[in-house]
């Protein structure tokens, strides 16, 4: 019996990670990937109880953002950090044993 080679289905196939030359394909891919990124961020917030802020600029330079609980709150905290807004471990340096 001859061994048959299966052709990949039309479903998920690996694509080369290169710049997409076609403008409309680029926009569709951006929209889908951006939605997937925001969905993963939302899941991370729910599962781990973390706060996340993401800002993405589209190929046409339009900003898209995701923030939990609020993008404005998180960016404000990031831009003007105070010792009370972050855990103390953020500001302390950890000692790493050096070889030698």
Foldseek 3Di string as FASTA:
>chain_A
DDDDDDDDDPPDDDDDPDDDPDPVVQQVVVVVVVVVVLVVVVVCCVPPVDWDKDWDAGPVRDIDIDTVPDNVVVVVCVVDPDPVSDDPVVVDDDDDDDDD
